[in-house]
Each structure stands twice: as structure tokens, then as C-alpha cells.
Amino acid sequence: MKKIKTLLASVSLAAMVSTTAIAEDVKIGVIYPLTGPVAQVGKDAVAALETAVDIINNSHNIDMPLARNKGLSNGRKIKIIVADHAGKPDVGVGETERLINKEKVHAMFGAYYSSVTGAASQVAERAKIPWVNGASTSPKLTERGFKYFFRATPHDGEFTSLMFEFINDFNKKGGSVKTVGILHEDTLWGSDSGSTQNKMAKKQGFKVVEKISYKAKTTTLDSEVQRLKAKNPDVLMPSSYTSDAYLFLDTAKKLDYNPKLLVAQNAGYTDPKFVSTMGSKAEGVITRSPFNTDLAKRIPLIGQVNDLFKKYSGGRDLSDVPARAFTGFMALANAINNANSNDPEAIRKALTELNMEANVLIVPYRGVNFGKDGQNSKTRGILMQVQNGKYCTVYPFELAACELKYPMPTWAQR
């Protein structure tokens, strides 16, 4: 009888321990650039994650998974632990090691800069901790054979395909784009972007008249802009982070370089401060993006999420990076919920099985479903143009909120 009581007590204790383990809050390590030249991007991304956490942990009248209940399965809540990598890969590596080894996070999320994501996600891979990425677009990130890395956003290869689809469709409508100029910064992201654009342009029969690499965070682009002005490509494709994008436009105005068509690989051209800082200099710029607030007419969830986002962003509206960050984070949260466990291996498995439909997203992806390489196989992007001081979706033409303005206004016309 004593043995039976002891056995029952052991079983009861084991059940309590098991229940406690299951009900433990889920800790997610988050790293973004919260200081440095793109700090606003990082802060807005974190605000988007705080918005997601609010939706998940509390009850909201929003038609998306996890919104109406309070918390995840088994009553778990999500807690994010945020770190600043300042745009430096070595800092990202150190912060990831701290979050995994000291904070004991169950998953990782971040980190905007592809160079930081690439370096820091290696730490998570070795530790067998799932890493979900919402906004880093270097194609190489999902070509490493990693088991624990998952990316929800389109990568630069997919975005570049979109750009050339646009150019080809534009030519069918009477355009005459034959030559291409490529300008890119020299970190992992910029180099990959420029290389991808160069290969794709040549494959599709366009002549690349200039492919210029410059040092990231340079203080002058005079010689680069002079080269572009001399060759005057029909379309210019820049890949630049914030300070470089500002510098390019300032230099183009100073040297009176007037590209007829500028199609940017987002980054600095979708920085939350880009339009307000550049003012009329930004007019006519086209940038790729998976998101714009004018899509709210077709995607009602955007307005609902944006209203809540303003609470955490200090009144700022959703933009490209925070919208993608929100989407990637909700994908991670749904996988954790489906896993019914905080175990990293169970979360990884749930990510491989995740299948979210388009109607529960705030971006125009066709859904979220990670392939064997960890890349979302259902991505889709848009092109938006700065018109009258605002971004306006111009492509795909069936999603367009505005007519394309071509050519870009010259400096004399602004």
C-alpha cells in the first residue's frame, strides 16, 4: 500500500512538473538595429512585434489565428527579449549567444541586415534553436542547408524577378527600356542584390551598361553618379541602405543626373523616414516592397493591425519592414501554438509543417509555407512609387492604386 501511495505521489508530481513545463511562457529572442543609421527601421520592427504579442496574448476582434483567445495553447504567453545589434555582425553574434545561453530563449527572430542575420543565425543553427526571419533578403540565407532557419519574406531573387516582370510589362505598354544600370553597396545584401540583378538582366536580354559597387556608408558618391550620368541607362536599380540612399539622391541633384526610371531594392528607399527626409527629391522613385498601406482596400486586416501598431510606434503607420516583421512573427507564433510545446525541436518541426492562408496575412503573399530550404514558397511583392509625397502601389497593375508616372520628374521640374 505504501508503495502504491509513493507511486501515485510520483505520478502526481510528474504530472505537475509536466504541466508546469508546458505552461511556461515562450521566450523569443529578438535582435534588430536599434541604434545607428537605420535605427528607426529597427524600432518600428520591434513595435510590430509588440503589436503581434498584444494580439496573441490578449483577446482582439481580428480575423486571424491567435487573435481571439488569450495566449497560446495550454495558456502560454509569448515574451520577447529584445537586443540591439547596431548593424554589426559581431555584435549580432554576441547578442544571439547571450539570448540563447543566458536568457534561454526557445526561438530567435530578426535581424533586418542580411549580414547580421547570416552571421548570428549560425549560432542558432549550432544550438538547434529555430530562427525565423521576416525581412532579410539575401538569397544566400536559404542556400546554406540549415535546418533551423526559416524566412517568410521574398528574397532579392524573387523581388528582382518582379522588377523585370514590371519592365517587360511596361515595355508591352509602349515603354522602351533596353539598358540597365546597377548601383549597390558592398555588404552581403548589396553584393547579392547587385549580382542577382546583373545575371537576370543579361538573361532577359537587357544590356547592363554600368554595375557599380561602392563601400557601404560611404561619404561620397560623386564619381559613381558621374559614371551613371555618362551612360544614362534606361532604368537604374540601386541597392542602398538609408544613409547611402539619401547621399545618392543628394548627389544626383547636385550633379543634375536625371534617371528616367529608378527601381530600388527597398532598404533605404522604404526607410520610415525616407519620404519625409528627402521631400521632393524622392518624387518618382519606385521601390519594391511586399506591403503598402494603400492595399488596405483589398486587405482589411491592414487597417485593424495598423490601428494597434500606432500604440507601440508612437503614432507611426505600418510600413514595409514592420509589416514583414509582423507577418514572420505571426508565422512563428502559429507554429509554436501548433507544436503545443516550447521545445525548440518541436517548434522547428511545426515550422516545416506550417501552412497559413493568404486571407490571414497583412501582406499580399499567397500564404506562408516553408519549403525544404526554409524559404516561404508563397511570397509575392509589389512595386510602389513616391507620388505627391506618398508611396502608391503601381505594380502588379491589377493591384495598382495609382497610374505609373514616367519618366521621373527632372530636378528642374521638382
Protein backbone atom coordinates (compact mmCIF):
# COMPACT_ATOMS: atom_id res chain seq x y z
CA MET A 1 0.00 0.00 0.00
CA LYS A 2 2.86 2.32 0.89
CA LYS A 3 4.50 1.55 -2.46
CA ILE A 4 1.23 2.39 -4.27
CA LYS A 5 0.93 5.73 -2.45
CA THR A 6 4.54 6.51 -3.26
CA LEU A 7 3.95 5.60 -6.92
CA LEU A 8 0.80 7.75 -7.07
CA ALA A 9 2.66 10.64 -5.47
CA SER A 10 5.44 10.28 -8.03
CA VAL A 11 2.95 10.20 -10.90
CA SER A 12 1.16 13.25 -9.49
CA LEU A 13 4.44 15.12 -9.10
CA ALA A 14 5.49 14.18 -12.63
CA ALA A 15 2.17 15.43 -13.97
CA MET A 16 2.63 18.72 -12.11
CA VAL A 17 6.14 19.11 -13.46
CA SER A 18 4.94 18.28 -16.98
CA THR A 19 2.04 20.77 -16.75
CA THR A 20 4.36 23.46 -15.42
CA ALA A 21 6.78 22.86 -18.29
CA ILE A 22 4.04 23.05 -20.89
CA ALA A 23 2.53 26.21 -19.37
CA GLU A 24 5.87 28.01 -19.25
CA ASP A 25 5.84 31.26 -21.21
CA VAL A 26 7.53 31.14 -24.60
CA LYS A 27 10.65 33.30 -24.74
CA ILE A 28 11.69 34.62 -28.14
CA GLY A 29 14.97 36.39 -28.64
CA VAL A 30 14.72 39.40 -30.96
CA ILE A 31 17.65 41.31 -32.46
CA TYR A 32 17.37 44.45 -34.58
CA PRO A 33 19.40 47.63 -35.24
CA LEU A 34 18.08 49.98 -32.54
CA THR A 35 20.99 52.40 -32.85
CA GLY A 36 22.90 53.59 -35.90
CA PRO A 37 21.76 54.88 -39.31
CA VAL A 38 18.72 52.57 -39.64
CA ALA A 39 17.60 52.70 -36.01
CA GLN A 40 14.08 53.81 -36.94
CA VAL A 41 13.64 50.70 -39.07
CA GLY A 42 14.65 48.53 -36.12
CA LYS A 43 12.42 50.39 -33.67
CA ASP A 44 9.43 50.10 -36.00
CA ALA A 45 10.12 46.38 -36.45
CA VAL A 46 10.13 45.88 -32.68
CA ALA A 47 6.90 47.89 -32.43
CA ALA A 48 5.39 45.46 -34.95
CA LEU A 49 6.44 42.51 -32.79
CA GLU A 50 4.97 44.19 -29.70
CA THR A 51 1.76 44.57 -31.70
CA ALA A 52 1.83 40.86 -32.54
CA VAL A 53 2.48 39.93 -28.89
CA ASP A 54 -0.50 42.07 -27.82
CA ILE A 55 -2.74 40.33 -30.38
CA ILE A 56 -1.53 36.88 -29.29
CA ASN A 57 -1.53 37.35 -25.51
CA ASN A 58 -4.83 39.26 -25.31
CA SER A 59 -8.22 38.90 -26.95
CA HIS A 60 -8.89 41.00 -30.08
CA ASN A 61 -11.76 41.09 -32.55
CA ILE A 62 -9.46 40.45 -35.51
CA ASP A 63 -9.95 37.66 -38.05
CA MET A 64 -6.57 35.98 -37.81
CA PRO A 65 -5.33 32.94 -35.89
CA LEU A 66 -4.46 33.51 -32.20
CA ALA A 67 -6.25 36.88 -32.06
CA ARG A 68 -9.46 35.98 -30.27
CA ASN A 69 -8.01 33.83 -27.48
CA LYS A 70 -5.75 34.99 -24.68
CA GLY A 71 -2.41 33.35 -25.27
CA LEU A 72 -1.28 30.17 -26.97
CA SER A 73 -2.33 26.59 -26.37
CA ASN A 74 -2.05 25.45 -22.73
CA GLY A 75 -2.36 29.04 -21.57
CA ARG A 76 1.14 30.01 -22.61
CA LYS A 77 2.02 33.63 -23.29
CA ILE A 78 4.76 34.97 -25.55
CA LYS A 79 7.55 37.11 -24.17
CA ILE A 80 10.08 38.83 -26.39
CA ILE A 81 13.59 39.68 -25.20
CA VAL A 82 14.98 42.44 -27.42
CA ALA A 83 18.63 43.18 -28.18
CA ASP A 84 20.37 45.80 -30.33
CA HIS A 85 22.95 44.65 -32.90
CA ALA A 86 23.62 48.19 -34.23
CA GLY A 87 24.10 46.79 -37.74
CA LYS A 88 27.25 44.91 -36.75
CA PRO A 89 27.52 41.14 -37.40
CA ASP A 90 29.90 40.53 -34.49
CA VAL A 91 27.50 42.26 -32.09
CA GLY A 92 24.65 40.19 -33.51
CA VAL A 93 26.61 37.00 -32.87
CA GLY A 94 27.37 38.01 -29.28
CA GLU A 95 23.80 39.00 -28.53
CA THR A 96 22.46 35.78 -30.03
CA GLU A 97 24.84 33.75 -27.85
CA ARG A 98 23.65 35.69 -24.79
CA LEU A 99 19.97 35.25 -25.62
CA ILE A 100 20.36 31.51 -26.19
CA ASN A 101 22.78 30.66 -23.38
CA LYS A 102 21.75 33.09 -20.63
CA GLU A 103 18.15 34.07 -21.42
CA LYS A 104 17.33 30.51 -22.54
CA VAL A 105 15.09 31.62 -25.40
CA HIS A 106 13.09 28.98 -27.24
CA ALA A 107 13.40 30.65 -30.65
CA MET A 108 15.12 33.60 -32.33
CA PHE A 109 13.74 36.34 -34.60
CA GLY A 110 15.48 39.07 -36.67
CA ALA A 111 17.67 40.77 -37.80
CA TYR A 112 16.98 43.06 -40.86
CA TYR A 113 20.60 43.36 -42.08
CA SER A 114 21.33 40.22 -44.10
CA SER A 115 24.95 40.30 -42.96
CA VAL A 116 23.88 40.20 -39.31
CA THR A 117 21.22 37.58 -39.94
CA GLY A 118 23.72 35.41 -41.79
CA ALA A 119 26.33 35.51 -39.02
CA ALA A 120 24.01 35.34 -36.00
CA SER A 121 21.78 32.57 -37.36
CA GLN A 122 24.82 30.29 -37.47
CA VAL A 123 24.88 30.47 -33.68
CA ALA A 124 21.24 29.40 -33.51
CA GLU A 125 21.82 26.61 -36.02
CA ARG A 126 24.64 25.15 -33.90
CA ALA A 127 22.47 25.43 -30.78
CA LYS A 128 19.49 23.87 -32.63
CA ILE A 129 17.29 26.88 -31.90
CA PRO A 130 14.76 27.85 -34.61
CA TRP A 131 15.36 31.22 -36.24
CA VAL A 132 12.57 32.92 -38.18
CA ASN A 133 13.39 35.89 -40.38
CA GLY A 134 10.88 38.44 -41.61
CA ALA A 135 12.87 40.95 -43.66
CA SER A 136 16.42 39.90 -44.66
CA THR A 137 16.53 39.28 -48.39
CA SER A 138 19.95 37.95 -49.39
CA PRO A 139 19.21 34.79 -51.43
CA LYS A 140 22.19 33.03 -49.83
CA LEU A 141 20.50 32.89 -46.44
CA THR A 142 18.30 29.99 -47.54
CA GLU A 143 21.00 28.31 -49.63
CA ARG A 144 23.11 27.14 -46.66
CA GLY A 145 21.39 23.84 -45.98
CA PHE A 146 20.30 24.98 -42.49
CA LYS A 147 17.58 23.00 -40.68
CA TYR A 148 16.61 25.68 -38.16
CA PHE A 149 16.45 28.81 -40.35
CA PHE A 150 13.13 29.94 -41.87
CA ARG A 151 12.41 33.06 -43.94
CA ALA A 152 8.91 34.42 -44.51
CA THR A 153 9.80 37.32 -46.83
CA PRO A 154 10.55 37.18 -50.55
CA HIS A 155 14.30 37.27 -51.22
CA ASP A 156 16.13 39.51 -53.66
CA GLY A 157 15.94 36.96 -56.45
CA GLU A 158 12.14 36.97 -56.21
CA PHE A 159 11.97 40.75 -55.86
CA THR A 160 14.32 41.18 -58.82
CA SER A 161 12.12 38.88 -60.89
CA LEU A 162 9.22 41.17 -60.01
CA MET A 163 11.20 44.18 -61.21
CA PHE A 164 11.89 42.62 -64.60
CA GLU A 165 8.29 41.44 -64.90
CA PHE A 166 7.33 45.08 -64.42
CA ILE A 167 9.85 46.30 -67.00
CA ASN A 168 8.68 43.73 -69.55
CA ASP A 169 5.03 44.59 -68.95
CA PHE A 170 5.88 48.28 -69.14
CA ASN A 171 7.60 47.72 -72.49
CA LYS A 172 4.49 45.89 -73.75
CA LYS A 173 2.50 49.01 -72.90
CA GLY A 174 4.77 51.19 -75.02
CA GLY A 175 7.87 51.60 -72.87
CA SER A 176 11.36 51.36 -74.32
CA VAL A 177 13.67 50.07 -71.59
CA LYS A 178 16.71 48.37 -73.08
CA THR A 179 19.66 49.30 -70.87
CA VAL A 180 20.20 48.82 -67.14
CA GLY A 181 22.42 50.50 -64.57
CA ILE A 182 23.14 48.77 -61.24
CA LEU A 183 24.41 50.53 -58.12
CA HIS A 184 24.91 48.62 -54.87
CA GLU A 185 26.63 48.81 -51.51
CA ASP A 186 29.23 46.14 -50.75
CA THR A 187 27.89 44.19 -47.76
CA LEU A 188 26.34 40.73 -48.18
CA TRP A 189 22.91 42.11 -49.04
CA GLY A 190 24.01 44.72 -51.56
CA SER A 191 26.53 42.45 -53.27
CA ASP A 192 23.99 39.62 -53.60
CA SER A 193 21.35 42.02 -54.87
CA GLY A 194 23.63 43.57 -57.48
CA SER A 195 24.87 40.18 -58.65
CA THR A 196 21.32 38.83 -58.94
CA GLN A 197 20.16 41.87 -60.92
CA ASN A 198 23.17 41.67 -63.22
CA LYS A 199 22.59 38.00 -64.04
CA MET A 200 18.86 38.41 -64.50
CA ALA A 201 19.17 41.47 -66.72
CA LYS A 202 21.58 39.73 -69.07
CA LYS A 203 19.49 36.56 -69.11
CA GLN A 204 16.44 38.55 -70.18
CA GLY A 205 18.27 40.38 -72.94
CA PHE A 206 18.89 43.76 -71.32
CA LYS A 207 22.27 45.46 -71.67
CA VAL A 208 23.94 46.30 -68.35
CA VAL A 209 25.85 49.49 -69.12
CA GLU A 210 27.12 50.01 -65.57
CA LYS A 211 27.41 47.80 -62.50
CA ILE A 212 28.89 49.84 -59.68
CA SER A 213 29.79 48.60 -56.21
CA TYR A 214 30.57 51.20 -53.54
CA LYS A 215 31.67 50.99 -49.93
CA ALA A 216 28.75 50.84 -47.52
CA LYS A 217 28.18 54.08 -45.55
CA THR A 218 30.44 55.98 -47.93
CA THR A 219 30.63 59.75 -47.63
CA THR A 220 30.75 60.47 -51.36
CA LEU A 221 29.14 59.06 -54.49
CA ASP A 222 30.27 61.76 -56.90
CA SER A 223 32.31 59.52 -59.21
CA GLU A 224 29.63 56.80 -59.20
CA VAL A 225 26.88 59.26 -60.15
CA GLN A 226 29.07 60.80 -62.87
CA ARG A 227 29.56 57.34 -64.39
CA LEU A 228 25.82 56.72 -64.36
CA LYS A 229 25.10 60.11 -65.87
CA ALA A 230 27.57 59.43 -68.68
CA LYS A 231 26.00 56.06 -69.58
CA ASN A 232 22.41 57.19 -68.82
CA PRO A 233 20.79 53.71 -68.52
CA ASP A 234 17.07 53.44 -69.26
CA VAL A 235 16.49 52.11 -65.74
CA LEU A 236 18.64 52.45 -62.64
CA MET A 237 18.48 49.72 -59.97
CA PRO A 238 20.06 50.81 -56.68
CA SER A 239 20.54 48.64 -53.58
CA SER A 240 21.34 51.03 -50.74
CA TYR A 241 20.68 51.33 -47.03
CA THR A 242 19.31 54.57 -45.62
CA SER A 243 22.28 56.94 -45.44
CA ASP A 244 23.51 55.80 -48.87
CA ALA A 245 20.09 56.30 -50.47
CA TYR A 246 19.97 59.85 -49.10
CA LEU A 247 23.50 60.50 -50.33
CA PHE A 248 22.73 59.19 -53.81
CA LEU A 249 19.71 61.45 -54.31
CA ASP A 250 21.57 64.47 -52.90
CA THR A 251 24.46 63.77 -55.26
CA ALA A 252 22.19 63.14 -58.25
CA LYS A 253 20.59 66.53 -57.69
CA LYS A 254 23.95 68.25 -57.26
CA LEU A 255 25.30 66.73 -60.49
CA ASP A 256 21.94 67.02 -62.33
CA TYR A 257 21.68 63.29 -63.04
CA ASN A 258 18.09 62.54 -64.05
CA PRO A 259 17.28 58.83 -64.37
CA LYS A 260 14.05 58.27 -66.28
CA LEU A 261 13.20 55.19 -64.23
CA LEU A 262 14.60 54.26 -60.82
CA VAL A 263 13.55 50.91 -59.36
CA ALA A 264 15.13 50.38 -55.93
CA GLN A 265 15.69 47.21 -53.92
CA ASN A 266 13.87 48.77 -50.91
CA ALA A 267 16.12 49.17 -47.77
CA GLY A 268 16.88 52.92 -47.60
CA TYR A 269 14.14 53.65 -50.11
CA THR A 270 11.49 52.27 -47.74
CA ASP A 271 13.03 53.57 -44.52
CA PRO A 272 10.17 55.08 -42.48
CA LYS A 273 11.88 58.48 -42.71
CA PHE A 274 12.77 58.32 -46.41
CA VAL A 275 9.92 60.36 -47.87
CA SER A 276 9.79 62.95 -45.09
CA THR A 277 13.56 63.42 -45.14
CA MET A 278 14.02 63.54 -48.91
CA GLY A 279 10.88 65.53 -49.70
CA SER A 280 10.65 66.40 -53.39
CA LYS A 281 13.92 64.53 -54.06
CA ALA A 282 12.01 61.29 -53.54
CA GLU A 283 9.34 62.05 -56.16
CA GLY A 284 9.07 59.38 -58.84
CA VAL A 285 11.26 56.83 -57.06
CA ILE A 286 9.96 53.28 -57.40
CA THR A 287 10.84 50.64 -54.84
CA ARG A 288 9.97 47.03 -54.40
CA SER A 289 8.07 46.07 -51.29
CA PRO A 290 5.69 43.40 -50.11
CA PHE A 291 3.50 45.99 -48.42
CA ASN A 292 1.85 49.37 -48.70
CA THR A 293 -0.97 50.84 -46.65
CA ASP A 294 -2.99 51.56 -49.81
CA LEU A 295 -3.53 47.79 -50.06
CA ALA A 296 -5.96 48.12 -47.13
CA LYS A 297 -8.88 48.36 -49.57
CA ARG A 298 -8.11 44.80 -50.65
CA ILE A 299 -6.71 43.55 -47.33
CA PRO A 300 -8.96 44.84 -44.48
CA LEU A 301 -6.69 43.33 -41.80
CA ILE A 302 -4.11 46.04 -42.55
CA GLY A 303 -6.29 48.77 -41.06
CA GLN A 304 -7.06 46.78 -37.92
CA VAL A 305 -3.45 45.87 -37.26
CA ASN A 306 -2.24 49.37 -38.16
CA ASP A 307 -4.55 50.93 -35.56
CA LEU A 308 -2.96 48.76 -32.87
CA PHE A 309 0.56 49.25 -34.25
CA LYS A 310 0.28 53.00 -33.71
CA LYS A 311 0.00 52.35 -29.97
CA TYR A 312 3.52 50.90 -29.97
CA SER A 313 5.10 53.03 -32.71
CA GLY A 314 4.25 56.43 -31.28
CA GLY A 315 1.56 57.06 -33.89
CA ARG A 316 3.55 55.94 -36.92
CA ASP A 317 1.83 53.88 -39.63
CA LEU A 318 2.91 50.42 -40.71
CA SER A 319 5.49 50.35 -43.48
CA ASP A 320 7.47 47.73 -45.39
CA VAL A 321 9.81 46.27 -42.75
CA PRO A 322 7.43 46.26 -39.75
CA ALA A 323 4.69 44.68 -41.89
CA ARG A 324 7.04 41.89 -42.93
CA ALA A 325 8.33 41.54 -39.37
CA PHE A 326 4.76 41.21 -38.08
CA THR A 327 3.98 38.56 -40.70
CA GLY A 328 7.09 36.50 -39.95
CA PHE A 329 6.50 36.72 -36.21
CA MET A 330 2.87 35.61 -36.52
CA ALA A 331 4.09 32.65 -38.57
CA LEU A 332 6.48 31.72 -35.75
CA ALA A 333 3.76 32.15 -33.13
CA ASN A 334 1.34 29.94 -35.06
CA ALA A 335 4.00 27.24 -35.35
CA ILE A 336 4.68 27.42 -31.60
CA ASN A 337 0.96 27.15 -30.95
CA ASN A 338 0.68 24.16 -33.28
CA ALA A 339 3.68 22.50 -31.64
CA ASN A 340 1.86 22.62 -28.29
CA SER A 341 5.33 22.74 -26.76
CA ASN A 342 8.21 25.11 -26.04
CA ASP A 343 10.74 22.52 -27.12
CA PRO A 344 12.87 24.03 -29.94
CA GLU A 345 12.85 20.79 -31.89
CA ALA A 346 9.05 20.59 -31.73
CA ILE A 347 8.86 24.23 -32.87
CA ARG A 348 11.23 23.51 -35.78
CA LYS A 349 9.06 20.59 -36.88
CA ALA A 350 5.91 22.72 -36.64
CA LEU A 351 7.54 25.38 -38.81
CA THR A 352 8.23 22.79 -41.50
CA GLU A 353 4.54 21.84 -41.43
CA LEU A 354 3.09 25.36 -41.22
CA ASN A 355 0.56 26.39 -43.87
CA MET A 356 -1.04 29.82 -43.38
CA GLU A 357 -3.56 31.09 -45.90
CA ALA A 358 -3.39 34.47 -47.63
CA ASN A 359 -6.58 35.76 -46.00
CA VAL A 360 -4.97 35.87 -42.52
CA LEU A 361 -1.99 37.99 -43.61
CA ILE A 362 -1.48 41.77 -43.82
CA VAL A 363 0.85 41.45 -46.82
CA PRO A 364 -0.13 40.26 -50.32
CA TYR A 365 1.72 36.95 -50.02
CA ARG A 366 -0.22 33.93 -51.21
CA GLY A 367 0.35 32.40 -47.78
CA VAL A 368 3.18 31.13 -45.60
CA ASN A 369 4.55 27.66 -46.25
CA PHE A 370 8.24 26.94 -45.75
CA GLY A 371 9.99 24.75 -48.29
CA LYS A 372 12.80 22.32 -47.56
CA ASP A 373 15.29 25.19 -47.74
CA GLY A 374 13.33 27.21 -45.17
CA GLN A 375 12.14 29.76 -47.72
CA ASN A 376 8.47 30.73 -47.83
CA SER A 377 7.18 29.30 -51.11
CA LYS A 378 4.12 31.58 -51.29
CA THR A 379 5.64 35.05 -51.37
CA ARG A 380 4.60 37.92 -53.60
CA GLY A 381 5.78 41.52 -53.84
CA ILE A 382 4.63 44.86 -55.19
CA LEU A 383 6.26 47.97 -56.62
CA MET A 384 5.30 51.35 -55.23
CA GLN A 385 6.18 54.82 -56.46
CA VAL A 386 6.54 58.03 -54.49
CA GLN A 387 3.84 60.33 -55.82
CA ASN A 388 2.93 63.64 -54.18
CA GLY A 389 4.89 62.77 -51.07
CA LYS A 390 3.37 59.31 -50.53
CA TYR A 391 4.03 55.73 -51.59
CA CYS A 392 1.47 54.49 -54.07
CA THR A 393 1.24 50.92 -55.39
CA VAL A 394 1.81 50.88 -59.17
CA TYR A 395 2.55 47.19 -59.87
CA PRO A 396 1.28 44.50 -60.34
CA PHE A 397 -1.06 46.57 -62.46
CA GLU A 398 -4.11 44.67 -61.12
CA LEU A 399 -3.23 45.79 -57.57
CA ALA A 400 -2.28 49.34 -58.55
CA ALA A 401 -3.76 52.25 -56.64
CA CYS A 402 -2.11 54.82 -58.95
CA GLU A 403 -1.02 55.12 -62.55
CA LEU A 404 2.74 54.90 -63.10
CA LYS A 405 4.37 58.30 -63.58
CA TYR A 406 7.01 58.04 -66.30
CA PRO A 407 9.54 59.43 -66.74
CA MET A 408 10.57 60.54 -63.28
CA PRO A 409 10.44 64.34 -62.92
CA THR A 410 13.75 66.02 -63.60
CA TRP A 411 15.41 68.07 -60.89
CA ALA A 412 14.35 71.21 -62.72
CA GLN A 413 10.72 70.05 -62.55
CA ARG A 414 10.65 69.43 -58.79
